[in-house]
C-alpha atoms as a PDB file:
ATOM      1  CA  MET A   1     176.237 104.402 154.540  1.00  0.00           C
ATOM      2  CA  ALA A   2     174.012 101.661 153.364  1.00  0.00           C
ATOM      3  CA  GLU A   3     173.801 100.607 157.072  1.00  0.00           C
ATOM      4  CA  PHE A   4     171.654 103.654 157.771  1.00  0.00           C
ATOM      5  CA  GLY A   5     169.158 102.638 155.285  1.00  0.00           C
ATOM      6  CA  PHE A   6     170.009 105.118 152.553  1.00  0.00           C
ATOM      7  CA  ASN A   7     169.484 104.524 148.845  1.00  0.00           C
ATOM      8  CA  GLU A   8     172.051 105.503 146.438  1.00  0.00           C
ATOM      9  CA  HIS A   9     171.205 108.931 145.593  1.00  0.00           C
ATOM     10  CA  HIS A  10     170.511 109.983 149.138  1.00  0.00           C
ATOM     11  CA  GLN A  11     173.848 108.338 150.044  1.00  0.00           C
ATOM     12  CA  ASN A  12     175.680 110.508 147.430  1.00  0.00           C
ATOM     13  CA  GLU A  13     173.973 113.651 148.706  1.00  0.00           C
ATOM     14  CA  ALA A  14     175.350 112.971 152.358  1.00  0.00           C
ATOM     15  CA  ILE A  15     178.957 112.191 150.893  1.00  0.00           C
ATOM     16  CA  ASN A  16     178.888 115.667 149.121  1.00  0.00           C
ATOM     17  CA  TYR A  17     178.010 117.443 152.333  1.00  0.00           C
ATOM     18  CA  MET A  18     180.667 115.650 154.187  1.00  0.00           C
ATOM     19  CA  ARG A  19     183.021 116.688 151.665  1.00  0.00           C
ATOM     20  CA  PHE A  20     181.829 120.460 152.021  1.00  0.00           C
ATOM     21  CA  ALA A  21     181.973 120.129 155.843  1.00  0.00           C
ATOM     22  CA  ARG A  22     185.568 118.102 155.539  1.00  0.00           C
ATOM     23  CA  SER A  23     186.953 121.242 153.252  1.00  0.00           C
ATOM     24  CA  LYS A  24     185.528 123.808 155.851  1.00  0.00           C
ATOM     25  CA  ARG A  25     187.200 122.020 158.911  1.00  0.00           C
ATOM     26  CA  ILE A  26     190.524 121.713 157.168  1.00  0.00           C
ATOM     27  CA  ILE A  27     190.580 125.473 156.036  1.00  0.00           C
ATOM     28  CA  ARG A  28     189.708 126.163 159.843  1.00  0.00           C
ATOM     29  CA  LEU A  29     192.354 124.100 161.175  1.00  0.00           C
ATOM     30  CA  LYS A  30     195.125 125.581 158.776  1.00  0.00           C
ATOM     31  CA  THR A  31     193.680 129.109 160.110  1.00  0.00           C
ATOM     32  CA  ILE A  32     194.324 127.573 163.657  1.00  0.00           C
ATOM     33  CA  ASP A  33     197.826 126.347 162.691  1.00  0.00           C
ATOM     34  CA  SER A  34     198.670 129.771 161.180  1.00  0.00           C
ATOM     35  CA  CYS A  35     197.816 131.405 164.425  1.00  0.00           C
ATOM     36  CA  PHE A  36     200.512 129.387 166.246  1.00  0.00           C
ATOM     37  CA  GLU A  37     202.888 130.052 163.436  1.00  0.00           C
ATOM     38  CA  ASP A  38     202.453 133.910 163.853  1.00  0.00           C
ATOM     39  CA  LEU A  39     202.933 133.652 167.385  1.00  0.00           C
ATOM     40  CA  LYS A  40     206.219 131.659 166.762  1.00  0.00           C
ATOM     41  CA  ASP A  41     207.466 133.956 164.468  1.00  0.00           C
ATOM     42  CA  SER A  42     206.224 137.324 166.034  1.00  0.00           C
ATOM     43  CA  ARG A  43     206.933 136.698 169.713  1.00  0.00           C
ATOM     44  CA  LEU A  44     209.294 133.659 170.207  1.00  0.00           C
ATOM     45  CA  VAL A  45     212.478 135.584 169.316  1.00  0.00           C
ATOM     46  CA  GLU A  46     214.135 135.718 172.629  1.00  0.00           C
ATOM     47  CA  GLU A  47     215.659 132.574 174.509  1.00  0.00           C
ATOM     48  CA  THR A  48     214.123 133.167 177.916  1.00  0.00           C
ATOM     49  CA  PHE A  49     210.658 134.696 178.767  1.00  0.00           C
ATOM     50  CA  THR A  50     209.225 135.496 182.156  1.00  0.00           C
ATOM     51  CA  VAL A  51     206.171 133.939 183.498  1.00  0.00           C
ATOM     52  CA  ASP A  52     204.275 137.286 182.563  1.00  0.00           C
ATOM     53  CA  GLU A  53     205.170 137.328 179.071  1.00  0.00           C
ATOM     54  CA  VAL A  54     204.305 133.636 178.801  1.00  0.00           C
ATOM     55  CA  ARG A  55     201.020 134.217 180.246  1.00  0.00           C
ATOM     56  CA  ASP A  56     200.358 137.226 178.000  1.00  0.00           C
ATOM     57  CA  MET A  57     201.281 135.221 174.788  1.00  0.00           C
ATOM     58  CA  LEU A  58     199.278 132.571 175.990  1.00  0.00           C
ATOM     59  CA  ASP A  59     196.297 134.621 176.562  1.00  0.00           C
ATOM     60  CA  GLY A  60     196.631 136.526 173.254  1.00  0.00           C
ATOM     61  CA  LEU A  61     196.652 133.088 171.277  1.00  0.00           C
ATOM     62  CA  GLN A  62     193.741 131.900 173.441  1.00  0.00           C
ATOM     63  CA  LEU A  63     191.807 134.837 172.260  1.00  0.00           C
ATOM     64  CA  VAL A  64     192.500 134.269 168.587  1.00  0.00           C
ATOM     65  CA  VAL A  65     192.030 130.585 168.795  1.00  0.00           C
ATOM     66  CA  ARG A  66     188.782 130.946 170.446  1.00  0.00           C
ATOM     67  CA  GLY A  67     187.511 133.293 168.204  1.00  0.00           C
ATOM     68  CA  GLU A  68     188.256 131.128 164.862  1.00  0.00           C
ATOM     69  CA  VAL A  69     186.597 128.094 166.745  1.00  0.00           C
ATOM     70  CA  GLU A  70     183.702 130.157 167.943  1.00  0.00           C
ATOM     71  CA  THR A  71     183.471 131.655 164.181  1.00  0.00           C
ATOM     72  CA  GLU A  72     183.647 127.858 162.833  1.00  0.00           C
ATOM     73  CA  LEU A  73     181.076 126.595 165.173  1.00  0.00           C
ATOM     74  CA  ILE A  74     178.648 129.474 164.234  1.00  0.00           C
ATOM     75  CA  ASN A  75     178.868 128.928 160.759  1.00  0.00           C
ATOM     76  CA  THR A  76     178.441 125.261 161.044  1.00  0.00           C
ATOM     77  CA  ALA A  77     175.390 125.790 162.998  1.00  0.00           C
ATOM     78  CA  HIS A  78     173.875 128.192 160.448  1.00  0.00           C
ATOM     79  CA  THR A  79     175.201 125.910 157.571  1.00  0.00           C
ATOM     80  CA  ASN A  80     173.048 123.083 158.874  1.00  0.00           C
ATOM     81  CA  VAL A  81     170.085 125.334 159.439  1.00  0.00           C
ATOM     82  CA  LEU A  82     170.241 125.963 155.424  1.00  0.00           C
ATOM     83  CA  LEU A  83     170.706 122.140 154.799  1.00  0.00           C
ATOM     84  CA  LEU A  84     167.405 121.419 156.818  1.00  0.00           C
ATOM     85  CA  ARG A  85     165.722 124.458 155.045  1.00  0.00           C
ATOM     86  CA  GLN A  86     166.339 123.016 151.590  1.00  0.00           C
ATOM     87  CA  LEU A  87     164.781 119.667 153.031  1.00  0.00           C
ATOM     88  CA  PHE A  88     161.824 121.087 154.467  1.00  0.00           C
ATOM     89  CA  SER A  89     161.208 123.222 151.565  1.00  0.00           C
ATOM     90  CA  GLN A  90     161.011 120.140 149.465  1.00  0.00           C
ATOM     91  CA  ALA A  91     158.960 118.012 152.038  1.00  0.00           C
ATOM     92  CA  GLU A  92     156.391 121.207 152.242  1.00  0.00           C
ATOM     93  CA  LYS A  93     155.847 120.919 148.524  1.00  0.00           C
ATOM     94  CA  PHE A  94     154.127 117.602 149.036  1.00  0.00           C
ATOM     95  CA  TYR A  95     152.423 118.620 152.286  1.00  0.00           C
ATOM     96  CA  LEU A  96     154.870 116.559 154.531  1.00  0.00           C
ATOM     97  CA  ARG A  97     155.947 117.120 157.762  1.00  0.00           C
ATOM     98  CA  LEU A  98     159.540 116.249 158.744  1.00  0.00           C
ATOM     99  CA  GLN A  99     160.389 115.470 162.201  1.00  0.00           C
ATOM    100  CA  THR A 100     163.894 115.434 163.838  1.00  0.00           C
ATOM    101  CA  ASP A 101     165.498 113.755 167.007  1.00  0.00           C
ATOM    102  CA  ILE A 102     167.756 115.760 168.727  1.00  0.00           C
ATOM    103  CA  SER A 103     168.920 112.995 170.948  1.00  0.00           C
ATOM    104  CA  GLU A 104     170.346 111.068 168.083  1.00  0.00           C
ATOM    105  CA  LEU A 105     172.747 113.901 167.220  1.00  0.00           C
ATOM    106  CA  GLU A 106     174.601 112.665 170.331  1.00  0.00           C
ATOM    107  CA  ASN A 107     174.452 108.914 169.663  1.00  0.00           C
ATOM    108  CA  ARG A 108     177.856 107.725 170.175  1.00  0.00           C
ATOM    109  CA  GLU A 109     177.448 104.616 167.943  1.00  0.00           C
ATOM    110  CA  LEU A 110     176.112 106.188 165.171  1.00  0.00           C
ATOM    111  CA  LEU A 111     178.777 109.079 165.324  1.00  0.00           C
ATOM    112  CA  GLU A 112     181.502 106.389 165.183  1.00  0.00           C
ATOM    113  CA  GLN A 113     179.727 104.809 162.046  1.00  0.00           C
ATOM    114  CA  VAL A 114     179.647 108.232 160.482  1.00  0.00           C
ATOM    115  CA  ALA A 115     183.375 108.721 161.343  1.00  0.00           C
ATOM    116  CA  GLU A 116     184.379 105.354 160.221  1.00  0.00           C
ATOM    117  CA  PHE A 117     182.302 105.865 156.925  1.00  0.00           C
ATOM    118  CA  GLU A 118     184.107 109.237 156.421  1.00  0.00           C
ATOM    119  CA  ASN A 119     187.594 107.522 156.839  1.00  0.00           C
ATOM    120  CA  THR A 120     186.721 104.839 154.290  1.00  0.00           C
ATOM    121  CA  GLU A 121     185.098 107.554 151.896  1.00  0.00           C
ATOM    122  CA  PHE A 122     187.973 110.119 151.862  1.00  0.00           C
ATOM    123  CA  LYS A 123     190.938 107.613 152.291  1.00  0.00           C
ATOM    124  CA  ASN A 124     191.519 107.713 148.568  1.00  0.00           C
ATOM    125  CA  PRO A 125     193.042 111.301 147.784  1.00  0.00           C
ATOM    126  CA  ASN A 126     191.843 111.241 144.305  1.00  0.00           C
ATOM    127  CA  LYS A 127     188.350 110.364 145.266  1.00  0.00           C
ATOM    128  CA  THR A 128     188.384 113.396 147.448  1.00  0.00           C
ATOM    129  CA  ASN A 129     189.503 115.968 144.787  1.00  0.00           C
ATOM    130  CA  GLN A 130     186.832 115.119 142.279  1.00  0.00           C
ATOM    131  CA  GLU A 131     184.534 117.708 141.269  1.00  0.00           C
ATOM    132  CA  ILE A 132     181.230 117.696 142.882  1.00  0.00           C
ATOM    133  CA  SER A 133     178.396 118.249 140.486  1.00  0.00           C
ATOM    134  CA  LYS A 134     175.695 120.508 141.947  1.00  0.00           C
ATOM    135  CA  PRO A 135     172.134 118.991 141.130  1.00  0.00           C
ATOM    136  CA  LYS A 136     168.816 120.916 141.326  1.00  0.00           C
ATOM    137  CA  LEU A 137     166.875 119.906 144.386  1.00  0.00           C
ATOM    138  CA  ALA A 138     164.686 116.911 143.676  1.00  0.00           C
ATOM    139  CA  PRO A 139     161.572 115.888 145.376  1.00  0.00           C
ATOM    140  CA  LEU A 140     161.878 113.248 147.881  1.00  0.00           C
ATOM    141  CA  ASN A 141     161.589 109.611 147.446  1.00  0.00           C
ATOM    142  CA  GLU A 142     158.307 109.204 145.387  1.00  0.00           C
ATOM    143  CA  GLY A 143     157.218 106.298 147.482  1.00  0.00           C
ATOM    144  CA  GLY A 144     155.773 106.148 151.084  1.00  0.00           C
ATOM    145  CA  VAL A 145     153.464 109.169 152.231  1.00  0.00           C
ATOM    146  CA  SER A 146     154.012 111.565 149.105  1.00  0.00           C
ATOM    147  CA  GLU A 147     152.780 108.640 146.754  1.00  0.00           C
ATOM    148  CA  LEU A 148     150.031 108.059 148.648  1.00  0.00           C
ATOM    149  CA  LEU A 149     149.122 111.733 148.854  1.00  0.00           C
ATOM    150  CA  ASN A 150     149.158 111.806 145.174  1.00  0.00           C
ATOM    151  CA  LYS A 151     147.178 108.814 144.598  1.00  0.00           C
ATOM    152  CA  GLU A 152     144.472 110.331 147.123  1.00  0.00           C
ATOM    153  CA  ILE A 153     144.516 113.691 145.071  1.00  0.00           C
ATOM    154  CA  SER A 154     144.017 111.909 141.722  1.00  0.00           C
ATOM    155  CA  ARG A 155     141.257 109.804 143.493  1.00  0.00           C
ATOM    156  CA  LEU A 156     139.526 112.952 144.616  1.00  0.00           C
ATOM    157  CA  GLN A 157     139.675 114.588 141.216  1.00  0.00           C
ATOM    158  CA  GLU A 158     138.590 111.576 139.303  1.00  0.00           C
ATOM    159  CA  GLU A 159     135.540 111.409 141.971  1.00  0.00           C
ATOM    160  CA  ASN A 160     134.995 115.014 141.525  1.00  0.00           C
ATOM    161  CA  ASN A 161     134.871 114.693 137.745  1.00  0.00           C
ATOM    162  CA  LYS A 162     132.588 111.781 137.971  1.00  0.00           C
ATOM    163  CA  LEU A 163     130.198 113.795 140.178  1.00  0.00           C
ATOM    164  CA  LYS A 164     130.229 116.751 137.954  1.00  0.00           C
ATOM    165  CA  GLY A 165     129.638 114.430 134.939  1.00  0.00           C
ATOM    166  CA  ARG A 166     126.363 113.136 137.039  1.00  0.00           C
ATOM    167  CA  LEU A 167     125.357 116.384 137.862  1.00  0.00           C
ATOM    168  CA  ARG A 168     125.320 117.458 134.245  1.00  0.00           C
ATOM    169  CA  THR A 169     123.553 114.272 133.408  1.00  0.00           C
ATOM    170  CA  LEU A 170     120.851 115.173 135.607  1.00  0.00           C
ATOM    171  CA  GLU A 171     120.625 118.744 134.775  1.00  0.00           C
ATOM    172  CA  THR A 172     119.962 117.407 131.112  1.00  0.00           C
ATOM    173  CA  GLN A 173     117.285 114.951 132.249  1.00  0.00           C
ATOM    174  CA  ALA A 174     115.598 117.738 134.295  1.00  0.00           C
ATOM    175  CA  MET A 175     115.551 120.177 131.514  1.00  0.00           C
ATOM    176  CA  GLY A 176     114.477 117.463 129.273  1.00  0.00           C
ATOM    177  CA  ALA A 177     111.704 116.646 131.640  1.00  0.00           C
ATOM    178  CA  LEU A 178     110.628 120.212 131.734  1.00  0.00           C
ATOM    179  CA  ASP A 179     110.503 120.303 127.965  1.00  0.00           C
ATOM    180  CA  GLU A 180     108.208 117.042 127.988  1.00  0.00           C
ATOM    181  CA  LYS A 181     105.764 118.827 130.701  1.00  0.00           C
ATOM    182  CA  THR A 182     105.650 122.017 128.680  1.00  0.00           C
ATOM    183  CA  ARG A 183     104.789 120.118 125.408  1.00  0.00           C
ATOM    184  CA  ALA A 184     102.329 117.896 127.211  1.00  0.00           C
ATOM    185  CA  GLU A 185     100.660 121.067 128.780  1.00  0.00           C
ATOM    186  CA  ARG A 186     100.747 122.786 125.375  1.00  0.00           C
ATOM    187  CA  ALA A 187      99.041 119.650 123.946  1.00  0.00           C
ATOM    188  CA  LEU A 188      96.290 119.324 126.619  1.00  0.00           C
ATOM    189  CA  LYS A 189      95.680 123.185 126.063  1.00  0.00           C
ATOM    190  CA  ASP A 190      95.165 122.339 122.218  1.00  0.00           C
ATOM    191  CA  LEU A 191      92.963 119.492 122.873  1.00  0.00           C
ATOM    192  CA  GLN A 192      90.748 121.573 125.172  1.00  0.00           C
ATOM    193  CA  LYS A 193      90.675 124.499 122.812  1.00  0.00           C
ATOM    194  CA  VAL A 194      89.652 122.157 119.717  1.00  0.00           C
ATOM    195  CA  LYS A 195      86.998 120.381 121.773  1.00  0.00           C
ATOM    196  CA  GLY A 196      85.741 123.800 122.621  1.00  0.00           C
ATOM    197  CA  GLU A 197      85.760 125.007 119.191  1.00  0.00           C
ATOM    198  CA  GLN A 198      83.797 122.044 118.489  1.00  0.00           C
ATOM    199  CA  GLN A 199      81.248 122.370 120.976  1.00  0.00           C
ATOM    200  CA  MET A 200      80.743 126.170 120.086  1.00  0.00           C
ATOM    201  CA  ALA A 201      80.437 125.016 116.153  1.00  0.00           C
ATOM    202  CA  THR A 202      77.853 122.746 117.112  1.00  0.00           C
ATOM    203  CA  ARG A 203      75.754 124.772 119.454  1.00  0.00           C
ATOM    204  CA  SER A 204      75.917 127.526 116.847  1.00  0.00           C
ATOM    205  CA  GLN A 205      74.374 125.287 114.091  1.00  0.00           C
ATOM    206  CA  GLU A 206      71.675 124.264 116.271  1.00  0.00           C
ATOM    207  CA  ILE A 207      70.832 127.604 117.533  1.00  0.00           C
ATOM    208  CA  THR A 208      71.039 128.771 113.879  1.00  0.00           C
ATOM    209  CA  SER A 209      68.589 126.076 112.902  1.00  0.00           C
ATOM    210  CA  LEU A 210      66.316 126.778 115.651  1.00  0.00           C
ATOM    211  CA  GLU A 211      66.327 130.463 114.891  1.00  0.00           C
ATOM    212  CA  ASP A 212      65.481 129.401 111.338  1.00  0.00           C
ATOM    213  CA  THR A 213      62.721 127.231 112.582  1.00  0.00           C
ATOM    214  CA  VAL A 214      61.421 130.112 114.778  1.00  0.00           C
ATOM    215  CA  ALA A 215      61.517 132.699 111.807  1.00  0.00           C
ATOM    216  CA  ALA A 216      59.831 130.212 109.541  1.00  0.00           C
ATOM    217  CA  LEU A 217      56.881 129.942 112.142  1.00  0.00           C
ATOM    218  CA  GLN A 218      56.704 133.527 112.516  1.00  0.00           C
ATOM    219  CA  GLU A 219      56.820 133.784 108.681  1.00  0.00           C
ATOM    220  CA  ASP A 220      53.863 131.429 108.593  1.00  0.00           C
ATOM    221  CA  TYR A 221      52.302 132.775 111.423  1.00  0.00           C
ATOM    222  CA  GLN A 222      52.244 136.233 109.467  1.00  0.00           C
ATOM    223  CA  LYS A 223      50.539 134.546 106.446  1.00  0.00           C
ATOM    224  CA  SER A 224      48.174 132.876 108.599  1.00  0.00           C
ATOM    225  CA  LEU A 225      47.156 136.185 110.079  1.00  0.00           C
ATOM    226  CA  SER A 226      46.474 137.356 106.325  1.00  0.00           C
ATOM    227  CA  VAL A 227      44.717 134.108 105.370  1.00  0.00           C
ATOM    228  CA  ASN A 228      42.352 133.469 108.252  1.00  0.00           C
ATOM    229  CA  ALA A 229      42.013 135.444 111.587  1.00  0.00           C
ATOM    230  CA  ALA A 230      40.661 132.165 113.022  1.00  0.00           C
ATOM    231  CA  SER A 231      43.713 130.194 112.923  1.00  0.00           C
ATOM    232  CA  GLN A 232      45.655 132.926 114.593  1.00  0.00           C
ATOM    233  CA  ARG A 233      44.974 131.176 118.025  1.00  0.00           C
ATOM    234  CA  ASP A 234      46.631 128.070 116.652  1.00  0.00           C
ATOM    235  CA  LEU A 235      49.473 129.745 115.340  1.00  0.00           C
ATOM    236  CA  GLN A 236      50.202 131.786 118.507  1.00  0.00           C
ATOM    237  CA  ASP A 237      50.064 128.326 120.395  1.00  0.00           C
ATOM    238  CA  ASN A 238      52.179 126.735 117.724  1.00  0.00           C
ATOM    239  CA  LEU A 239      54.528 129.967 118.363  1.00  0.00           C
ATOM    240  CA  VAL A 240      54.438 129.260 121.978  1.00  0.00           C
ATOM    241  CA  SER A 241      55.091 125.613 121.723  1.00  0.00           C
ATOM    242  CA  ALA A 242      57.955 126.389 119.388  1.00  0.00           C
ATOM    243  CA  LYS A 243      59.514 128.621 122.016  1.00  0.00           C
ATOM    244  CA  HIS A 244      58.974 126.054 124.636  1.00  0.00           C
ATOM    245  CA  ASP A 245      60.558 123.637 122.446  1.00  0.00           C
ATOM    246  CA  LEU A 246      63.481 126.137 121.802  1.00  0.00           C
ATOM    247  CA  LEU A 247      64.129 126.270 125.458  1.00  0.00           C
ATOM    248  CA  ARG A 248      63.807 122.474 125.968  1.00  0.00           C
ATOM    249  CA  VAL A 249      66.285 122.372 122.973  1.00  0.00           C
ATOM    250  CA  GLN A 250      68.641 124.621 124.680  1.00  0.00           C
ATOM    251  CA  GLU A 251      68.492 123.039 127.948  1.00  0.00           C
ATOM    252  CA  GLN A 252      69.160 119.528 126.179  1.00  0.00           C
ATOM    253  CA  LEU A 253      71.947 121.396 124.480  1.00  0.00           C
ATOM    254  CA  SER A 254      73.468 122.359 127.946  1.00  0.00           C
ATOM    255  CA  LEU A 255      73.163 118.698 129.144  1.00  0.00           C
ATOM    256  CA  ALA A 256      74.543 117.338 126.059  1.00  0.00           C
ATOM    257  CA  GLU A 257      77.469 120.064 126.546  1.00  0.00           C
ATOM    258  CA  LYS A 258      78.192 118.560 130.072  1.00  0.00           C
ATOM    259  CA  GLU A 259      77.563 114.861 128.858  1.00  0.00           C
ATOM    260  CA  LEU A 260      80.092 115.446 126.177  1.00  0.00           C
ATOM    261  CA  ASP A 261      82.674 117.156 128.540  1.00  0.00           C
ATOM    262  CA  ARG A 262      82.159 114.217 131.023  1.00  0.00           C
ATOM    263  CA  LYS A 263      82.526 111.500 128.043  1.00  0.00           C
ATOM    264  CA  PHE A 264      85.518 113.459 126.988  1.00  0.00           C
ATOM    265  CA  GLN A 265      87.234 113.385 130.432  1.00  0.00           C
ATOM    266  CA  GLN A 266      86.776 109.708 130.361  1.00  0.00           C
ATOM    267  CA  THR A 267      88.398 109.131 126.950  1.00  0.00           C
ATOM    268  CA  SER A 268      91.720 107.167 126.863  1.00  0.00           C
ATOM    269  CA  ALA A 269      93.617 110.213 125.369  1.00  0.00           C
ATOM    270  CA  TYR A 270      92.374 112.636 128.183  1.00  0.00           C
ATOM    271  CA  ARG A 271      93.507 110.059 130.913  1.00  0.00           C
ATOM    272  CA  ASN A 272      96.780 109.296 129.092  1.00  0.00           C
ATOM    273  CA  MET A 273      97.590 112.953 128.900  1.00  0.00           C
ATOM    274  CA  LYS A 274      96.627 113.367 132.493  1.00  0.00           C
ATOM    275  CA  GLU A 275      98.738 110.320 133.600  1.00  0.00           C
ATOM    276  CA  ILE A 276     101.651 111.876 131.742  1.00  0.00           C
ATOM    277  CA  LEU A 277     101.596 115.172 133.330  1.00  0.00           C
ATOM    278  CA  THR A 278     101.076 113.396 136.633  1.00  0.00           C
ATOM    279  CA  LYS A 279     104.294 111.449 136.018  1.00  0.00           C
ATOM    280  CA  LYS A 280     106.427 114.014 134.834  1.00  0.00           C
ATOM    281  CA  ASN A 281     105.279 116.205 137.868  1.00  0.00           C
ATOM    282  CA  GLU A 282     106.566 113.340 139.980  1.00  0.00           C
ATOM    283  CA  GLN A 283     109.698 113.060 137.897  1.00  0.00           C
ATOM    284  CA  ILE A 284     110.580 116.484 138.289  1.00  0.00           C
ATOM    285  CA  LYS A 285     109.917 116.549 141.990  1.00  0.00           C
ATOM    286  CA  ASP A 286     112.282 113.469 142.229  1.00  0.00           C
ATOM    287  CA  ILE A 287     114.889 115.041 140.112  1.00  0.00           C
ATOM    288  CA  ARG A 288     114.873 118.213 142.222  1.00  0.00           C
ATOM    289  CA  LYS A 289     115.592 116.336 145.279  1.00  0.00           C
ATOM    290  CA  ARG A 290     118.349 114.523 143.735  1.00  0.00           C
ATOM    291  CA  LEU A 291     119.975 117.615 142.589  1.00  0.00           C
ATOM    292  CA  SER A 292     119.648 119.300 145.949  1.00  0.00           C
ATOM    293  CA  LYS A 293     121.263 116.293 147.298  1.00  0.00           C
ATOM    294  CA  TYR A 294     124.371 116.279 144.863  1.00  0.00           C
ATOM    295  CA  GLU A 295     124.466 120.415 145.319  1.00  0.00           C
ATOM    296  CA  SER A 296     124.897 119.814 149.166  1.00  0.00           C
ATOM    297  CA  ASP A 297     127.452 117.070 148.957  1.00  0.00           C
ATOM    298  CA  GLU A 298     129.734 119.192 146.407  1.00  0.00           C
END
């Protein structure tokens, strides 16, 4: 049946079905022949028959033959449905939708080609009686639509794997950026803590020195009171002046602290740390936007 465009495998499948249909047809024809033989043996025992007797015999034979032919036609139709079921089941495994053209079933030219092929194929009796192997149902031709479908599925799976890999990479980068941000914030806090401790230590030393100075002045003042009452006024003035100096020094210390804080903010270490934090925040915002995009795509 090469003129129909079948490959060797499908041609063998068609031959097997034709052999099956041929055997069923032969059995049914033998059954019909036996009906006529039964009529001859059972009813045709006399030499002459009336018209009513002949009509009665023919009516009975008609009922028997009609029942046999009807049974065979019904069985043939049901057998064809089972054959289509096998083909459709194989096609659905590959997401295919087969279509049939009922009008082609009455194409006289094609029917004659099939009849010619059957006569040629089963002309040899030995070939007709060969045992028919019963292969398991195999998928339809791997080319065409099924092959394209398999390629598309493989491509989508590969693309999905790539997207998952990129998502994992972005998640790793995001976690790394968050870790760097945390470390930078911790380092900044440590620097601020060290600066605060240094300032507090310097201020404490200056206040201690001033307190020692005031204590020494008070001690001198007390000594001066016991030595000379006339110098008491001078000592009091000195004490007042020392207190003023203490207030002035405290004010200067406050200004110096503000100036030190301003200079520290102008240092390269502080600016670099601030730039690093700013860049990390921008990177995290960008990564979050990209993550939200890929999550929506998936």
